[in-house]
Amino acid sequence: MMDYVETSTLDIVGKFFKDNNIKVFVGESMTGGFLGSILSMQVDSGDYFLGGITSYATSVKKSLLHVNKHSIEHFTTESTQVTYEMLEGLKKLVDADVYIAITGMAYPDSDAVHDHHAEVGDIFIAICFNGIYLQKKVHCIDCNPAQIYITAVNHVIYELYNFIEDHELNKEQ
């Protein structure tokens, strides 16, 4: 667990995106725009970061990102399935090279009737990088909400870095 955003790795990712004219679009739920905020603070981020959708409310997930009502009812909003559907919804809104969706649970659910499959600390990430998909579930143990947000952003940064490393290795072969 980290208490800070890994900006040195993000600098490498941002430079790669800028140098290769790669465009990024994000969809966030749990993180409430934190990822987009971090991306926008990078030097030259305007060259690659197109923006994002904060879909904190279920109604926004359904209406704007076209997340299926059945998926929300069956899997809950904090799930791999809903995160994937958010990602697919992003692709219908904006033309980009990289799409990122994040959901998760940073706080205990106040709706006692809701049957959650996720626990506090669960983070769901979906990334589409030039047509290559990654889905990941991370659990942040004994973290406060701020640490959960930071962990989510750092995992996205590391996964983007891994995509770049794979891209560079494939380019050399």
Foldseek 3Di string as FASTA:
>chain_A
DDLDAPVVLVLVLQVVCLVVQFAEEEEEALLQCVLVVVLVPHVPSVSHYPYYHYPNDPVCLCPQLVQDPVCCLPQNCAHQNSQVSSQVSVVVPDDGQKYKYKDAAQDPDPPPVRDHPGDHQWMWMWMQHNNDIDIDIDGDPPDHSSVSSSVNSNVVSVVSSVVVVVVVVVVVD
